[in-house]
Amino acid sequence: MHELALTEGILKIVSSEQKKNAFVRVLEIDLKIGEYSGIIPSCIEEFFPLVAKDTPAEGAKLVMQMVPAEFECSACGFHGPLPKHTASCPQCGGTQVRMIAGREFYVENLVVE
């Protein structure tokens, strides 16, 4: 249930931004969530109304964009997705691959008034 703590973290970001920018309320929160972040978006959606109650983010729309995993092979320079449950490069068959995208979780944008 780390999604509850993550949702609380989103509200901390909102609070921090409100102090800096003096807005009244949040209309939309845009999130980036990596395919391999381990985060369950439906849990964020479920916890958000509870955590946002009586805050400037109450009633805000959550927009979640999933970031697909992308890998890089240091042997041949391949960049792209790997088939699930494999750890070898689809181009050269090497195992010198590392994930370069897909673990993200961050607030991309706030729409406020």
Protein backbone atom coordinates (compact mmCIF):
# COMPACT_ATOMS: atom_id res chain seq x y z
CA MET A 1 0.00 0.00 0.00
CA HIS A 2 2.81 2.41 -0.74
CA GLU A 3 0.38 4.18 -3.08
CA LEU A 4 -1.17 5.90 -0.05
CA ALA A 5 2.20 7.41 0.88
CA LEU A 6 2.79 8.36 -2.76
CA THR A 7 -0.61 10.04 -2.93
CA GLU A 8 0.23 11.97 0.23
CA GLY A 9 3.48 12.98 -1.48
CA ILE A 10 1.51 14.38 -4.41
CA LEU A 11 -0.41 16.58 -1.98
CA LYS A 12 2.85 17.76 -0.40
CA ILE A 13 3.97 18.88 -3.84
CA VAL A 14 0.66 20.68 -4.34
CA SER A 15 1.05 22.40 -0.96
CA SER A 16 4.62 23.44 -1.75
CA GLU A 17 3.60 24.84 -5.13
CA GLN A 18 0.67 26.69 -3.58
CA LYS A 19 3.02 28.43 -1.15
CA LYS A 20 5.29 29.47 -4.04
CA ASN A 21 2.58 30.50 -6.50
CA ALA A 22 -0.42 31.48 -4.34
CA PHE A 23 -3.13 29.71 -6.34
CA VAL A 24 -6.61 29.03 -4.96
CA ARG A 25 -7.25 25.51 -6.16
CA VAL A 26 -5.98 22.75 -8.38
CA LEU A 27 -8.08 21.70 -11.35
CA GLU A 28 -5.84 18.96 -12.72
CA ILE A 29 -2.75 17.03 -11.70
CA ASP A 30 -0.75 15.39 -14.50
CA LEU A 31 1.34 12.42 -13.42
CA LYS A 32 3.95 10.35 -15.24
CA ILE A 33 4.06 6.72 -14.13
CA GLY A 34 6.64 4.29 -15.47
CA GLU A 35 5.62 0.85 -16.65
CA TYR A 36 8.06 -0.74 -14.18
CA SER A 37 7.55 1.73 -11.32
CA GLY A 38 5.57 -0.79 -9.32
CA ILE A 39 2.77 1.75 -8.87
CA ILE A 40 -0.86 0.75 -9.32
CA PRO A 41 -2.63 3.76 -10.85
CA SER A 42 -6.08 2.61 -9.71
CA CYS A 43 -4.87 2.74 -6.09
CA ILE A 44 -3.68 6.34 -6.54
CA GLU A 45 -7.12 7.16 -7.97
CA GLU A 46 -8.82 5.48 -5.02
CA PHE A 47 -6.74 7.21 -2.33
CA PHE A 48 -6.65 10.65 -3.94
CA PRO A 49 -10.16 11.86 -2.94
CA LEU A 50 -9.50 10.86 0.68
CA VAL A 51 -6.10 12.52 0.87
CA ALA A 52 -7.18 15.63 -1.07
CA LYS A 53 -10.28 16.31 1.04
CA ASP A 54 -10.29 19.87 2.44
CA THR A 55 -7.17 20.84 0.44
CA PRO A 56 -6.79 23.00 -2.69
CA ALA A 57 -6.61 19.74 -4.68
CA GLU A 58 -10.04 18.49 -3.60
CA GLY A 59 -11.99 17.62 -6.75
CA ALA A 60 -8.95 17.88 -9.02
CA LYS A 61 -8.77 15.61 -12.02
CA LEU A 62 -5.88 13.13 -12.07
CA VAL A 63 -4.38 12.55 -15.50
CA MET A 64 -1.96 9.63 -15.50
CA GLN A 65 0.32 9.02 -18.43
CA MET A 66 2.08 5.67 -18.45
CA VAL A 67 5.71 5.75 -19.57
CA PRO A 68 6.71 2.57 -21.40
CA ALA A 69 9.93 0.84 -20.48
CA GLU A 70 12.88 1.50 -22.74
CA PHE A 71 16.23 -0.22 -22.65
CA GLU A 72 19.71 0.43 -23.97
CA CYS A 73 22.27 -2.19 -24.97
CA SER A 74 25.85 -1.13 -24.36
CA ALA A 75 27.13 -3.85 -26.69
CA CYS A 76 25.37 -2.76 -29.89
CA GLY A 77 23.67 0.54 -29.07
CA PHE A 78 20.08 -0.74 -29.35
CA HIS A 79 17.43 1.56 -27.81
CA GLY A 80 13.86 0.38 -27.34
CA PRO A 81 11.53 -1.99 -25.58
CA LEU A 82 12.39 -5.55 -24.61
CA PRO A 83 9.93 -8.40 -24.74
CA LYS A 84 8.51 -9.13 -21.28
CA HIS A 85 10.47 -11.61 -19.16
CA THR A 86 13.66 -11.33 -21.17
CA ALA A 87 16.98 -9.75 -20.28
CA SER A 88 18.77 -9.94 -23.59
CA CYS A 89 19.03 -7.48 -26.42
CA PRO A 90 16.61 -8.26 -29.27
CA GLN A 91 19.16 -6.91 -31.77
CA CYS A 92 22.41 -8.64 -30.78
CA GLY A 93 21.34 -11.13 -28.09
CA GLY A 94 23.73 -9.56 -25.57
CA THR A 95 22.94 -9.22 -21.89
CA GLN A 96 24.49 -5.78 -21.42
CA VAL A 97 21.13 -4.01 -21.32
CA ARG A 98 19.96 -1.40 -18.84
CA MET A 99 16.63 0.31 -18.35
CA ILE A 100 16.69 3.99 -19.34
CA ALA A 101 12.95 4.72 -18.97
CA GLY A 102 10.02 3.09 -17.25
CA ARG A 103 10.61 3.61 -13.52
CA GLU A 104 9.36 7.21 -13.37
CA PHE A 105 6.82 8.61 -10.98
CA TYR A 106 6.44 12.36 -10.81
CA VAL A 107 4.06 15.29 -11.07
CA GLU A 108 4.46 16.61 -14.61
CA ASN A 109 2.09 19.55 -14.37
CA LEU A 110 -0.54 21.27 -12.23
CA VAL A 111 -3.48 23.13 -13.74
CA VAL A 112 -4.56 25.72 -11.19
CA GLU A 113 -6.76 28.76 -10.75
